[in-house]
Amino acid sequence: MSGGVIVATLRATSSACEPDPGQALSTWLHAVGAHAVANRGLGASLMRDGDPGLGETCHDMITKAGGALLVRAQAAGAVRTGITITRLLKLVGAIALATEQDVDGPVEADLLLTIAIDGVRVR
């Protein structure tokens, strides 16, 4: 199991204690995004379902950890229905991939992710 999966799972567990379910999901997605930008190549792995390079077990763990946060946020009315954890991970992966070569990649990724997360919130 990779260190990234452990980080993502631990962050999901700590984010689940956040009283605001929408903020918990956002915090976790930002942590996953920051980790993906810092670990070049991880962004591309997040964009595929069950990527053999990441390992099915690792991908499943990330998906389950984030999925629980997403379900909680949707139940609280903080995130639109129809949004899936797979789509959110693809979005995070695409942002990480697009910014991982930038000098200010982590800052740019964080900004883009903030814009994207705003789009999944219920209006």
PDB file of N, CA and C in Angstrom:
ATOM      1  N   MET A   1       0.860  -1.172   0.000  1.00  0.00           N
ATOM      2  CA  MET A   1       0.000   0.000   0.000  1.00  0.00           C
ATOM      3  C   MET A   1       0.903   1.231   0.000  1.00  0.00           C
ATOM      4  N   SER A   2       0.553   2.216  -0.832  1.00  0.00           N
ATOM      5  CA  SER A   2       1.387   3.402  -0.928  1.00  0.00           C
ATOM      6  C   SER A   2       1.119   4.371   0.220  1.00  0.00           C
ATOM      7  N   GLY A   3       2.116   5.209   0.480  1.00  0.00           N
ATOM      8  CA  GLY A   3       1.971   6.216   1.521  1.00  0.00           C
ATOM      9  C   GLY A   3       0.846   7.188   1.212  1.00  0.00           C
ATOM     10  N   GLY A   4       0.606   7.445  -0.080  1.00  0.00           N
ATOM     11  CA  GLY A   4      -0.456   8.350  -0.484  1.00  0.00           C
ATOM     12  C   GLY A   4      -1.828   7.848  -0.088  1.00  0.00           C
ATOM     13  N   VAL A   5      -2.023   6.542  -0.189  1.00  0.00           N
ATOM     14  CA  VAL A   5      -3.308   5.955   0.190  1.00  0.00           C
ATOM     15  C   VAL A   5      -3.503   6.071   1.690  1.00  0.00           C
ATOM     16  N   ILE A   6      -2.447   5.840   2.420  1.00  0.00           N
ATOM     17  CA  ILE A   6      -2.524   5.965   3.876  1.00  0.00           C
ATOM     18  C   ILE A   6      -2.869   7.407   4.250  1.00  0.00           C
ATOM     19  N   VAL A   7      -2.203   8.362   3.596  1.00  0.00           N
ATOM     20  CA  VAL A   7      -2.472   9.781   3.858  1.00  0.00           C
ATOM     21  C   VAL A   7      -3.929  10.104   3.525  1.00  0.00           C
ATOM     22  N   ALA A   8      -4.403   9.667   2.354  1.00  0.00           N
ATOM     23  CA  ALA A   8      -5.779   9.961   1.937  1.00  0.00           C
ATOM     24  C   ALA A   8      -6.792   9.350   2.892  1.00  0.00           C
ATOM     25  N   THR A   9      -6.527   8.135   3.342  1.00  0.00           N
ATOM     26  CA  THR A   9      -7.449   7.463   4.253  1.00  0.00           C
ATOM     27  C   THR A   9      -7.464   8.157   5.613  1.00  0.00           C
ATOM     28  N   LEU A  10      -6.286   8.506   6.120  1.00  0.00           N
ATOM     29  CA  LEU A  10      -6.215   9.204   7.407  1.00  0.00           C
ATOM     30  C   LEU A  10      -6.868  10.577   7.333  1.00  0.00           C
ATOM     31  N   ARG A  11      -6.652  11.273   6.244  1.00  0.00           N
ATOM     32  CA  ARG A  11      -7.265  12.598   6.090  1.00  0.00           C
ATOM     33  C   ARG A  11      -8.782  12.481   6.006  1.00  0.00           C
ATOM     34  N   ALA A  12      -9.273  11.445   5.342  1.00  0.00           N
ATOM     35  CA  ALA A  12     -10.720  11.242   5.254  1.00  0.00           C
ATOM     36  C   ALA A  12     -11.291  10.970   6.636  1.00  0.00           C
ATOM     37  N   THR A  13     -10.580  10.172   7.421  1.00  0.00           N
ATOM     38  CA  THR A  13     -11.030   9.860   8.771  1.00  0.00           C
ATOM     39  C   THR A  13     -11.070  11.116   9.633  1.00  0.00           C
ATOM     40  N   SER A  14     -10.023  11.940   9.555  1.00  0.00           N
ATOM     41  CA  SER A  14     -10.015  13.163  10.360  1.00  0.00           C
ATOM     42  C   SER A  14     -11.022  14.179   9.823  1.00  0.00           C
ATOM     43  N   SER A  15     -11.225  14.220   8.512  1.00  0.00           N
ATOM     44  CA  SER A  15     -12.206  15.138   7.930  1.00  0.00           C
ATOM     45  C   SER A  15     -13.627  14.757   8.312  1.00  0.00           C
ATOM     46  N   ALA A  16     -13.864  13.481   8.535  1.00  0.00           N
ATOM     47  CA  ALA A  16     -15.200  13.021   8.908  1.00  0.00           C
ATOM     48  C   ALA A  16     -15.643  13.608  10.244  1.00  0.00           C
ATOM     49  N   CYS A  17     -14.695  14.047  11.065  1.00  0.00           N
ATOM     50  CA  CYS A  17     -15.022  14.658  12.359  1.00  0.00           C
ATOM     51  C   CYS A  17     -15.434  16.113  12.215  1.00  0.00           C
ATOM     52  N   GLU A  18     -15.184  16.695  11.054  1.00  0.00           N
ATOM     53  CA  GLU A  18     -15.574  18.086  10.777  1.00  0.00           C
ATOM     54  C   GLU A  18     -17.087  18.181  10.850  1.00  0.00           C
ATOM     55  N   PRO A  19     -17.617  19.149  11.624  1.00  0.00           N
ATOM     56  CA  PRO A  19     -19.075  19.248  11.782  1.00  0.00           C
ATOM     57  C   PRO A  19     -19.812  19.620  10.492  1.00  0.00           C
ATOM     58  N   ASP A  20     -19.162  20.299   9.575  1.00  0.00           N
ATOM     59  CA  ASP A  20     -19.780  20.690   8.306  1.00  0.00           C
ATOM     60  C   ASP A  20     -19.387  19.656   7.248  1.00  0.00           C
ATOM     61  N   PRO A  21     -20.327  18.796   6.815  1.00  0.00           N
ATOM     62  CA  PRO A  21     -20.000  17.740   5.854  1.00  0.00           C
ATOM     63  C   PRO A  21     -19.459  18.256   4.521  1.00  0.00           C
ATOM     64  N   GLY A  22     -19.970  19.388   4.050  1.00  0.00           N
ATOM     65  CA  GLY A  22     -19.456  19.968   2.813  1.00  0.00           C
ATOM     66  C   GLY A  22     -18.016  20.406   2.960  1.00  0.00           C
ATOM     67  N   GLN A  23     -17.702  21.023   4.094  1.00  0.00           N
ATOM     68  CA  GLN A  23     -16.329  21.454   4.357  1.00  0.00           C
ATOM     69  C   GLN A  23     -15.413  20.254   4.543  1.00  0.00           C
ATOM     70  N   ALA A  24     -15.912  19.195   5.151  1.00  0.00           N
ATOM     71  CA  ALA A  24     -15.113  17.981   5.342  1.00  0.00           C
ATOM     72  C   ALA A  24     -14.688  17.409   3.993  1.00  0.00           C
ATOM     73  N   LEU A  25     -15.625  17.328   3.055  1.00  0.00           N
ATOM     74  CA  LEU A  25     -15.306  16.827   1.720  1.00  0.00           C
ATOM     75  C   LEU A  25     -14.309  17.747   1.029  1.00  0.00           C
ATOM     76  N   SER A  26     -14.541  19.046   1.112  1.00  0.00           N
ATOM     77  CA  SER A  26     -13.643  20.015   0.493  1.00  0.00           C
ATOM     78  C   SER A  26     -12.233  19.914   1.059  1.00  0.00           C
ATOM     79  N   THR A  27     -12.123  19.813   2.364  1.00  0.00           N
ATOM     80  CA  THR A  27     -10.819  19.697   3.018  1.00  0.00           C
ATOM     81  C   THR A  27     -10.086  18.455   2.529  1.00  0.00           C
ATOM     82  N   TRP A  28     -10.814  17.352   2.447  1.00  0.00           N
ATOM     83  CA  TRP A  28     -10.209  16.104   1.995  1.00  0.00           C
ATOM     84  C   TRP A  28      -9.767  16.202   0.533  1.00  0.00           C
ATOM     85  N   LEU A  29     -10.610  16.753  -0.335  1.00  0.00           N
ATOM     86  CA  LEU A  29     -10.251  16.882  -1.746  1.00  0.00           C
ATOM     87  C   LEU A  29      -9.019  17.762  -1.917  1.00  0.00           C
ATOM     88  N   HIS A  30      -8.922  18.837  -1.141  1.00  0.00           N
ATOM     89  CA  HIS A  30      -7.734  19.694  -1.201  1.00  0.00           C
ATOM     90  C   HIS A  30      -6.487  18.934  -0.741  1.00  0.00           C
ATOM     91  N   ALA A  31      -6.614  18.116   0.291  1.00  0.00           N
ATOM     92  CA  ALA A  31      -5.473  17.329   0.775  1.00  0.00           C
ATOM     93  C   ALA A  31      -5.034  16.302  -0.270  1.00  0.00           C
ATOM     94  N   VAL A  32      -5.988  15.642  -0.896  1.00  0.00           N
ATOM     95  CA  VAL A  32      -5.664  14.669  -1.951  1.00  0.00           C
ATOM     96  C   VAL A  32      -5.015  15.391  -3.128  1.00  0.00           C
ATOM     97  N   GLY A  33      -5.561  16.549  -3.498  1.00  0.00           N
ATOM     98  CA  GLY A  33      -4.993  17.327  -4.595  1.00  0.00           C
ATOM     99  C   GLY A  33      -3.575  17.778  -4.314  1.00  0.00           C
ATOM    100  N   ALA A  34      -3.326  18.273  -3.109  1.00  0.00           N
ATOM    101  CA  ALA A  34      -1.972  18.715  -2.741  1.00  0.00           C
ATOM    102  C   ALA A  34      -0.993  17.550  -2.791  1.00  0.00           C
ATOM    103  N   HIS A  35      -1.438  16.401  -2.320  1.00  0.00           N
ATOM    104  CA  HIS A  35      -0.578  15.218  -2.349  1.00  0.00           C
ATOM    105  C   HIS A  35      -0.294  14.782  -3.793  1.00  0.00           C
ATOM    106  N   ALA A  36      -1.317  14.862  -4.645  1.00  0.00           N
ATOM    107  CA  ALA A  36      -1.149  14.461  -6.042  1.00  0.00           C
ATOM    108  C   ALA A  36      -0.200  15.398  -6.783  1.00  0.00           C
ATOM    109  N   VAL A  37      -0.273  16.690  -6.505  1.00  0.00           N
ATOM    110  CA  VAL A  37       0.636  17.650  -7.151  1.00  0.00           C
ATOM    111  C   VAL A  37       2.070  17.411  -6.683  1.00  0.00           C
ATOM    112  N   ALA A  38       2.239  17.142  -5.404  1.00  0.00           N
ATOM    113  CA  ALA A  38       3.582  16.923  -4.846  1.00  0.00           C
ATOM    114  C   ALA A  38       4.201  15.615  -5.327  1.00  0.00           C
ATOM    115  N   ASN A  39       3.375  14.647  -5.662  1.00  0.00           N
ATOM    116  CA  ASN A  39       3.863  13.337  -6.106  1.00  0.00           C
ATOM    117  C   ASN A  39       3.528  13.164  -7.570  1.00  0.00           C
ATOM    118  N   ARG A  40       4.380  13.717  -8.408  1.00  0.00           N
ATOM    119  CA  ARG A  40       4.133  13.711  -9.854  1.00  0.00           C
ATOM    120  C   ARG A  40       3.757  12.321 -10.337  1.00  0.00           C
ATOM    121  N   GLY A  41       2.726  12.293 -11.175  1.00  0.00           N
ATOM    122  CA  GLY A  41       2.232  11.036 -11.722  1.00  0.00           C
ATOM    123  C   GLY A  41       1.000  10.538 -10.999  1.00  0.00           C
ATOM    124  N   LEU A  42       0.818  10.943  -9.751  1.00  0.00           N
ATOM    125  CA  LEU A  42      -0.349  10.498  -8.996  1.00  0.00           C
ATOM    126  C   LEU A  42      -1.628  11.095  -9.574  1.00  0.00           C
ATOM    127  N   GLY A  43      -1.544  12.317 -10.087  1.00  0.00           N
ATOM    128  CA  GLY A  43      -2.709  12.955 -10.686  1.00  0.00           C
ATOM    129  C   GLY A  43      -3.295  12.113 -11.800  1.00  0.00           C
ATOM    130  N   ALA A  44      -2.444  11.581 -12.665  1.00  0.00           N
ATOM    131  CA  ALA A  44      -2.907  10.737 -13.763  1.00  0.00           C
ATOM    132  C   ALA A  44      -3.536   9.455 -13.225  1.00  0.00           C
ATOM    133  N   SER A  45      -2.988   8.918 -12.156  1.00  0.00           N
ATOM    134  CA  SER A  45      -3.533   7.696 -11.570  1.00  0.00           C
ATOM    135  C   SER A  45      -4.922   7.912 -10.985  1.00  0.00           C
ATOM    136  N   LEU A  46      -5.170   9.082 -10.434  1.00  0.00           N
ATOM    137  CA  LEU A  46      -6.478   9.373  -9.851  1.00  0.00           C
ATOM    138  C   LEU A  46      -7.562   9.494 -10.914  1.00  0.00           C
ATOM    139  N   MET A  47      -7.157   9.713 -12.159  1.00  0.00           N
ATOM    140  CA  MET A  47      -8.129   9.932 -13.226  1.00  0.00           C
ATOM    141  C   MET A  47      -8.687   8.640 -13.795  1.00  0.00           C
ATOM    142  N   ARG A  48      -8.125   7.501 -13.413  1.00  0.00           N
ATOM    143  CA  ARG A  48      -8.572   6.220 -13.962  1.00  0.00           C
ATOM    144  C   ARG A  48      -9.199   5.370 -12.872  1.00  0.00           C
ATOM    145  N   ASP A  49     -10.222   4.637 -13.252  1.00  0.00           N
ATOM    146  CA  ASP A  49     -10.867   3.705 -12.322  1.00  0.00           C
ATOM    147  C   ASP A  49      -9.981   2.487 -12.138  1.00  0.00           C
ATOM    148  N   GLY A  50      -9.608   2.197 -10.910  1.00  0.00           N
ATOM    149  CA  GLY A  50      -8.846   0.987 -10.610  1.00  0.00           C
ATOM    150  C   GLY A  50      -7.560   0.880 -11.394  1.00  0.00           C
ATOM    151  N   ASP A  51      -6.803   1.963 -11.508  1.00  0.00           N
ATOM    152  CA  ASP A  51      -5.558   1.986 -12.263  1.00  0.00           C
ATOM    153  C   ASP A  51      -4.591   0.933 -11.734  1.00  0.00           C
ATOM    154  N   PRO A  52      -4.161  -0.017 -12.593  1.00  0.00           N
ATOM    155  CA  PRO A  52      -3.229  -1.055 -12.136  1.00  0.00           C
ATOM    156  C   PRO A  52      -1.926  -0.492 -11.574  1.00  0.00           C
ATOM    157  N   GLY A  53      -1.484   0.682 -12.071  1.00  0.00           N
ATOM    158  CA  GLY A  53      -0.272   1.297 -11.547  1.00  0.00           C
ATOM    159  C   GLY A  53      -0.439   1.749 -10.107  1.00  0.00           C
ATOM    160  N   LEU A  54      -1.635   2.144  -9.750  1.00  0.00           N
ATOM    161  CA  LEU A  54      -1.905   2.569  -8.378  1.00  0.00           C
ATOM    162  C   LEU A  54      -2.269   1.365  -7.530  1.00  0.00           C
ATOM    163  N   GLY A  55      -2.790   0.350  -8.171  1.00  0.00           N
ATOM    164  CA  GLY A  55      -3.203  -0.844  -7.447  1.00  0.00           C
ATOM    165  C   GLY A  55      -4.678  -0.761  -7.119  1.00  0.00           C
ATOM    166  N   GLU A  56      -5.406  -1.814  -7.448  1.00  0.00           N
ATOM    167  CA  GLU A  56      -6.845  -1.802  -7.219  1.00  0.00           C
ATOM    168  C   GLU A  56      -7.197  -1.594  -5.760  1.00  0.00           C
ATOM    169  N   THR A  57      -6.463  -2.236  -4.872  1.00  0.00           N
ATOM    170  CA  THR A  57      -6.751  -2.096  -3.448  1.00  0.00           C
ATOM    171  C   THR A  57      -6.563  -0.653  -3.006  1.00  0.00           C
ATOM    172  N   CYS A  58      -5.494  -0.017  -3.446  1.00  0.00           N
ATOM    173  CA  CYS A  58      -5.235   1.377  -3.085  1.00  0.00           C
ATOM    174  C   CYS A  58      -6.329   2.275  -3.630  1.00  0.00           C
ATOM    175  N   HIS A  59      -6.686   2.080  -4.897  1.00  0.00           N
ATOM    176  CA  HIS A  59      -7.730   2.905  -5.510  1.00  0.00           C
ATOM    177  C   HIS A  59      -9.054   2.708  -4.776  1.00  0.00           C
ATOM    178  N   ASP A  60      -9.359   1.469  -4.422  1.00  0.00           N
ATOM    179  CA  ASP A  60     -10.590   1.177  -3.678  1.00  0.00           C
ATOM    180  C   ASP A  60     -10.603   1.895  -2.333  1.00  0.00           C
ATOM    181  N   MET A  61      -9.459   1.917  -1.650  1.00  0.00           N
ATOM    182  CA  MET A  61      -9.391   2.570  -0.343  1.00  0.00           C
ATOM    183  C   MET A  61      -9.630   4.068  -0.459  1.00  0.00           C
ATOM    184  N   ILE A  62      -9.029   4.703  -1.462  1.00  0.00           N
ATOM    185  CA  ILE A  62      -9.222   6.135  -1.665  1.00  0.00           C
ATOM    186  C   ILE A  62     -10.685   6.406  -2.017  1.00  0.00           C
ATOM    187  N   THR A  63     -11.240   5.578  -2.895  1.00  0.00           N
ATOM    188  CA  THR A  63     -12.625   5.749  -3.328  1.00  0.00           C
ATOM    189  C   THR A  63     -13.595   5.580  -2.161  1.00  0.00           C
ATOM    190  N   LYS A  64     -13.370   4.578  -1.339  1.00  0.00           N
ATOM    191  CA  LYS A  64     -14.248   4.363  -0.178  1.00  0.00           C
ATOM    192  C   LYS A  64     -14.132   5.504   0.829  1.00  0.00           C
ATOM    193  N   ALA A  65     -12.912   5.940   1.090  1.00  0.00           N
ATOM    194  CA  ALA A  65     -12.698   7.019   2.061  1.00  0.00           C
ATOM    195  C   ALA A  65     -13.396   8.299   1.605  1.00  0.00           C
ATOM    196  N   GLY A  66     -13.190   8.675   0.355  1.00  0.00           N
ATOM    197  CA  GLY A  66     -13.828   9.873  -0.169  1.00  0.00           C
ATOM    198  C   GLY A  66     -15.317   9.694  -0.380  1.00  0.00           C
ATOM    199  N   GLY A  67     -15.716   8.478  -0.757  1.00  0.00           N
ATOM    200  CA  GLY A  67     -17.133   8.198  -0.980  1.00  0.00           C
ATOM    201  C   GLY A  67     -17.960   8.406   0.277  1.00  0.00           C
ATOM    202  N   ALA A  68     -17.420   8.019   1.405  1.00  0.00           N
ATOM    203  CA  ALA A  68     -18.137   8.205   2.669  1.00  0.00           C
ATOM    204  C   ALA A  68     -18.327   9.691   2.964  1.00  0.00           C
ATOM    205  N   LEU A  69     -17.296  10.486   2.684  1.00  0.00           N
ATOM    206  CA  LEU A  69     -17.409  11.937   2.889  1.00  0.00           C
ATOM    207  C   LEU A  69     -18.429  12.544   1.925  1.00  0.00           C
ATOM    208  N   LEU A  70     -18.426  12.068   0.682  1.00  0.00           N
ATOM    209  CA  LEU A  70     -19.366  12.574  -0.312  1.00  0.00           C
ATOM    210  C   LEU A  70     -20.803  12.244   0.061  1.00  0.00           C
ATOM    211  N   VAL A  71     -21.061  11.017   0.470  1.00  0.00           N
ATOM    212  CA  VAL A  71     -22.415  10.614   0.860  1.00  0.00           C
ATOM    213  C   VAL A  71     -22.909  11.481   2.012  1.00  0.00           C
ATOM    214  N   ARG A  72     -22.037  11.715   2.977  1.00  0.00           N
ATOM    215  CA  ARG A  72     -22.404  12.559   4.122  1.00  0.00           C
ATOM    216  C   ARG A  72     -22.719  13.989   3.671  1.00  0.00           C
ATOM    217  N   ALA A  73     -21.910  14.528   2.760  1.00  0.00           N
ATOM    218  CA  ALA A  73     -22.133  15.890   2.269  1.00  0.00           C
ATOM    219  C   ALA A  73     -23.422  15.973   1.457  1.00  0.00           C
ATOM    220  N   GLN A  74     -23.715  14.953   0.669  1.00  0.00           N
ATOM    221  CA  GLN A  74     -24.957  14.951  -0.108  1.00  0.00           C
ATOM    222  C   GLN A  74     -26.171  14.818   0.807  1.00  0.00           C
ATOM    223  N   ALA A  75     -26.067  13.992   1.828  1.00  0.00           N
ATOM    224  CA  ALA A  75     -27.173  13.819   2.771  1.00  0.00           C
ATOM    225  C   ALA A  75     -27.474  15.114   3.520  1.00  0.00           C
ATOM    226  N   ALA A  76     -26.448  15.925   3.730  1.00  0.00           N
ATOM    227  CA  ALA A  76     -26.622  17.207   4.422  1.00  0.00           C
ATOM    228  C   ALA A  76     -27.088  18.307   3.465  1.00  0.00           C
ATOM    229  N   GLY A  77     -27.190  17.973   2.186  1.00  0.00           N
ATOM    230  CA  GLY A  77     -27.620  18.965   1.208  1.00  0.00           C
ATOM    231  C   GLY A  77     -26.527  19.934   0.793  1.00  0.00           C
ATOM    232  N   ALA A  78     -25.277  19.574   1.049  1.00  0.00           N
ATOM    233  CA  ALA A  78     -24.151  20.460   0.731  1.00  0.00           C
ATOM    234  C   ALA A  78     -23.594  20.240  -0.669  1.00  0.00           C
ATOM    235  N   VAL A  79     -23.836  19.056  -1.231  1.00  0.00           N
ATOM    236  CA  VAL A  79     -23.309  18.706  -2.548  1.00  0.00           C
ATOM    237  C   VAL A  79     -24.457  18.190  -3.406  1.00  0.00           C
ATOM    238  N   ARG A  80     -24.458  18.603  -4.647  1.00  0.00           N
ATOM    239  CA  ARG A  80     -25.504  18.193  -5.585  1.00  0.00           C
ATOM    240  C   ARG A  80     -25.554  16.680  -5.738  1.00  0.00           C
ATOM    241  N   THR A  81     -26.746  16.170  -5.974  1.00  0.00           N
ATOM    242  CA  THR A  81     -26.873  14.756  -6.320  1.00  0.00           C
ATOM    243  C   THR A  81     -26.313  14.582  -7.729  1.00  0.00           C
ATOM    244  N   GLY A  82     -25.954  13.376  -8.064  1.00  0.00           N
ATOM    245  CA  GLY A  82     -25.387  13.108  -9.383  1.00  0.00           C
ATOM    246  C   GLY A  82     -23.876  13.220  -9.419  1.00  0.00           C
ATOM    247  N   ILE A  83     -23.303  13.806  -8.396  1.00  0.00           N
ATOM    248  CA  ILE A  83     -21.842  13.889  -8.288  1.00  0.00           C
ATOM    249  C   ILE A  83     -21.371  12.565  -7.692  1.00  0.00           C
ATOM    250  N   THR A  84     -20.347  11.981  -8.269  1.00  0.00           N
ATOM    251  CA  THR A  84     -19.802  10.725  -7.745  1.00  0.00           C
ATOM    252  C   THR A  84     -18.369  10.945  -7.280  1.00  0.00           C
ATOM    253  N   ILE A  85     -17.910  10.073  -6.417  1.00  0.00           N
ATOM    254  CA  ILE A  85     -16.524  10.186  -5.944  1.00  0.00           C
ATOM    255  C   ILE A  85     -15.553   9.938  -7.088  1.00  0.00           C
ATOM    256  N   THR A  86     -15.919   9.063  -8.014  1.00  0.00           N
ATOM    257  CA  THR A  86     -15.048   8.814  -9.161  1.00  0.00           C
ATOM    258  C   THR A  86     -14.876  10.076  -9.984  1.00  0.00           C
ATOM    259  N   ARG A  87     -15.958  10.803 -10.197  1.00  0.00           N
ATOM    260  CA  ARG A  87     -15.861  12.053 -10.956  1.00  0.00           C
ATOM    261  C   ARG A  87     -15.030  13.090 -10.203  1.00  0.00           C
ATOM    262  N   LEU A  88     -15.211  13.166  -8.899  1.00  0.00           N
ATOM    263  CA  LEU A  88     -14.420  14.123  -8.116  1.00  0.00           C
ATOM    264  C   LEU A  88     -12.935  13.767  -8.149  1.00  0.00           C
ATOM    265  N   LEU A  89     -12.612  12.488  -8.058  1.00  0.00           N
ATOM    266  CA  LEU A  89     -11.203  12.076  -8.109  1.00  0.00           C
ATOM    267  C   LEU A  89     -10.609  12.337  -9.486  1.00  0.00           C
ATOM    268  N   LYS A  90     -11.395  12.152 -10.540  1.00  0.00           N
ATOM    269  CA  LYS A  90     -10.918  12.481 -11.888  1.00  0.00           C
ATOM    270  C   LYS A  90     -10.635  13.976 -11.992  1.00  0.00           C
ATOM    271  N   LEU A  91     -11.506  14.773 -11.416  1.00  0.00           N
ATOM    272  CA  LEU A  91     -11.323  16.220 -11.427  1.00  0.00           C
ATOM    273  C   LEU A  91     -10.056  16.614 -10.665  1.00  0.00           C
ATOM    274  N   VAL A  92      -9.885  16.062  -9.488  1.00  0.00           N
ATOM    275  CA  VAL A  92      -8.676  16.340  -8.696  1.00  0.00           C
ATOM    276  C   VAL A  92      -7.437  15.887  -9.469  1.00  0.00           C
ATOM    277  N   GLY A  93      -7.512  14.710 -10.073  1.00  0.00           N
ATOM    278  CA  GLY A  93      -6.384  14.189 -10.845  1.00  0.00           C
ATOM    279  C   GLY A  93      -6.049  15.072 -12.042  1.00  0.00           C
ATOM    280  N   ALA A  94      -7.073  15.541 -12.738  1.00  0.00           N
ATOM    281  CA  ALA A  94      -6.853  16.405 -13.901  1.00  0.00           C
ATOM    282  C   ALA A  94      -6.204  17.721 -13.485  1.00  0.00           C
ATOM    283  N   ILE A  95      -6.655  18.280 -12.396  1.00  0.00           N
ATOM    284  CA  ILE A  95      -6.071  19.529 -11.890  1.00  0.00           C
ATOM    285  C   ILE A  95      -4.621  19.292 -11.474  1.00  0.00           C
ATOM    286  N   ALA A  96      -4.369  18.196 -10.787  1.00  0.00           N
ATOM    287  CA  ALA A  96      -2.992  17.882 -10.368  1.00  0.00           C
ATOM    288  C   ALA A  96      -2.092  17.694 -11.583  1.00  0.00           C
ATOM    289  N   LEU A  97      -2.585  16.966 -12.573  1.00  0.00           N
ATOM    290  CA  LEU A  97      -1.807  16.719 -13.786  1.00  0.00           C
ATOM    291  C   LEU A  97      -1.518  18.027 -14.524  1.00  0.00           C
ATOM    292  N   ALA A  98      -2.501  18.906 -14.585  1.00  0.00           N
ATOM    293  CA  ALA A  98      -2.343  20.171 -15.301  1.00  0.00           C
ATOM    294  C   ALA A  98      -1.388  21.136 -14.605  1.00  0.00           C
ATOM    295  N   THR A  99      -1.192  20.983 -13.313  1.00  0.00           N
ATOM    296  CA  THR A  99      -0.381  21.952 -12.562  1.00  0.00           C
ATOM    297  C   THR A  99       0.915  21.381 -11.998  1.00  0.00           C
ATOM    298  N   GLU A 100       1.145  20.086 -12.135  1.00  0.00           N
ATOM    299  CA  GLU A 100       2.310  19.502 -11.461  1.00  0.00           C
ATOM    300  C   GLU A 100       3.645  20.009 -11.988  1.00  0.00           C
ATOM    301  N   GLN A 101       3.695  20.556 -13.184  1.00  0.00           N
ATOM    302  CA  GLN A 101       4.948  21.094 -13.729  1.00  0.00           C
ATOM    303  C   GLN A 101       5.105  22.592 -13.476  1.00  0.00           C
ATOM    304  N   ASP A 102       4.050  23.250 -12.984  1.00  0.00           N
ATOM    305  CA  ASP A 102       4.106  24.686 -12.718  1.00  0.00           C
ATOM    306  C   ASP A 102       5.024  24.978 -11.533  1.00  0.00           C
ATOM    307  N   VAL A 103       5.721  26.100 -11.602  1.00  0.00           N
ATOM    308  CA  VAL A 103       6.564  26.521 -10.489  1.00  0.00           C
ATOM    309  C   VAL A 103       5.713  26.694  -9.235  1.00  0.00           C
ATOM    310  N   ASP A 104       4.536  27.266  -9.414  1.00  0.00           N
ATOM    311  CA  ASP A 104       3.619  27.458  -8.297  1.00  0.00           C
ATOM    312  C   ASP A 104       2.473  26.449  -8.367  1.00  0.00           C
ATOM    313  N   GLY A 105       2.787  25.215  -8.761  1.00  0.00           N
ATOM    314  CA  GLY A 105       1.796  24.164  -8.947  1.00  0.00           C
ATOM    315  C   GLY A 105       0.852  23.956  -7.779  1.00  0.00           C
ATOM    316  N   PRO A 106       1.356  23.824  -6.565  1.00  0.00           N
ATOM    317  CA  PRO A 106       0.437  23.618  -5.446  1.00  0.00           C
ATOM    318  C   PRO A 106      -0.550  24.774  -5.245  1.00  0.00           C
ATOM    319  N   VAL A 107      -0.083  25.994  -5.432  1.00  0.00           N
ATOM    320  CA  VAL A 107      -0.959  27.155  -5.270  1.00  0.00           C
ATOM    321  C   VAL A 107      -2.010  27.174  -6.375  1.00  0.00           C
ATOM    322  N   GLU A 108      -1.563  26.954  -7.610  1.00  0.00           N
ATOM    323  CA  GLU A 108      -2.486  26.950  -8.748  1.00  0.00           C
ATOM    324  C   GLU A 108      -3.493  25.808  -8.622  1.00  0.00           C
ATOM    325  N   ALA A 109      -3.041  24.638  -8.224  1.00  0.00           N
ATOM    326  CA  ALA A 109      -3.945  23.496  -8.052  1.00  0.00           C
ATOM    327  C   ALA A 109      -4.989  23.786  -6.988  1.00  0.00           C
ATOM    328  N   ASP A 110      -4.574  24.387  -5.895  1.00  0.00           N
ATOM    329  CA  ASP A 110      -5.504  24.718  -4.821  1.00  0.00           C
ATOM    330  C   ASP A 110      -6.566  25.701  -5.306  1.00  0.00           C
ATOM    331  N   LEU A 111      -6.155  26.707  -6.059  1.00  0.00           N
ATOM    332  CA  LEU A 111      -7.093  27.697  -6.593  1.00  0.00           C
ATOM    333  C   LEU A 111      -8.083  27.040  -7.563  1.00  0.00           C
ATOM    334  N   LEU A 112      -7.579  26.234  -8.488  1.00  0.00           N
ATOM    335  CA  LEU A 112      -8.458  25.569  -9.446  1.00  0.00           C
ATOM    336  C   LEU A 112      -9.421  24.613  -8.755  1.00  0.00           C
ATOM    337  N   LEU A 113      -8.940  23.918  -7.752  1.00  0.00           N
ATOM    338  CA  LEU A 113      -9.808  22.994  -7.019  1.00  0.00           C
ATOM    339  C   LEU A 113     -10.889  23.753  -6.253  1.00  0.00           C
ATOM    340  N   THR A 114     -10.548  24.899  -5.705  1.00  0.00           N
ATOM    341  CA  THR A 114     -11.545  25.730  -5.024  1.00  0.00           C
ATOM    342  C   THR A 114     -12.648  26.135  -5.998  1.00  0.00           C
ATOM    343  N   ILE A 115     -12.266  26.532  -7.195  1.00  0.00           N
ATOM    344  CA  ILE A 115     -13.249  26.902  -8.223  1.00  0.00           C
ATOM    345  C   ILE A 115     -14.117  25.701  -8.576  1.00  0.00           C
ATOM    346  N   ALA A 116     -13.508  24.541  -8.758  1.00  0.00           N
ATOM    347  CA  ALA A 116     -14.265  23.336  -9.122  1.00  0.00           C
ATOM    348  C   ALA A 116     -15.215  22.891  -8.015  1.00  0.00           C
ATOM    349  N   ILE A 117     -14.745  22.926  -6.783  1.00  0.00           N
ATOM    350  CA  ILE A 117     -15.586  22.515  -5.659  1.00  0.00           C
ATOM    351  C   ILE A 117     -16.796  23.428  -5.535  1.00  0.00           C
ATOM    352  N   ASP A 118     -16.597  24.700  -5.803  1.00  0.00           N
ATOM    353  CA  ASP A 118     -17.724  25.624  -5.749  1.00  0.00           C
ATOM    354  C   ASP A 118     -18.816  25.205  -6.739  1.00  0.00           C
ATOM    355  N   GLY A 119     -18.407  24.583  -7.835  1.00  0.00           N
ATOM    356  CA  GLY A 119     -19.376  24.138  -8.844  1.00  0.00           C
ATOM    357  C   GLY A 119     -20.186  22.925  -8.451  1.00  0.00           C
ATOM    358  N   VAL A 120     -19.752  22.152  -7.461  1.00  0.00           N
ATOM    359  CA  VAL A 120     -20.510  20.956  -7.052  1.00  0.00           C
ATOM    360  C   VAL A 120     -21.415  21.214  -5.855  1.00  0.00           C
ATOM    361  N   ARG A 121     -21.284  22.381  -5.289  1.00  0.00           N
ATOM    362  CA  ARG A 121     -22.125  22.715  -4.126  1.00  0.00           C
ATOM    363  C   ARG A 121     -23.554  22.976  -4.560  1.00  0.00           C
ATOM    364  N   VAL A 122     -24.476  22.707  -3.681  1.00  0.00           N
ATOM    365  CA  VAL A 122     -25.885  22.993  -3.939  1.00  0.00           C
ATOM    366  C   VAL A 122     -26.081  24.492  -3.886  1.00  0.00           C
ATOM    367  N   ARG A 123     -26.864  25.009  -4.784  1.00  0.00           N
ATOM    368  CA  ARG A 123     -27.153  26.445  -4.828  1.00  0.00           C
ATOM    369  C   ARG A 123     -28.507  26.709  -4.225  1.00  0.00           C
TER     370      ARG A 123
END
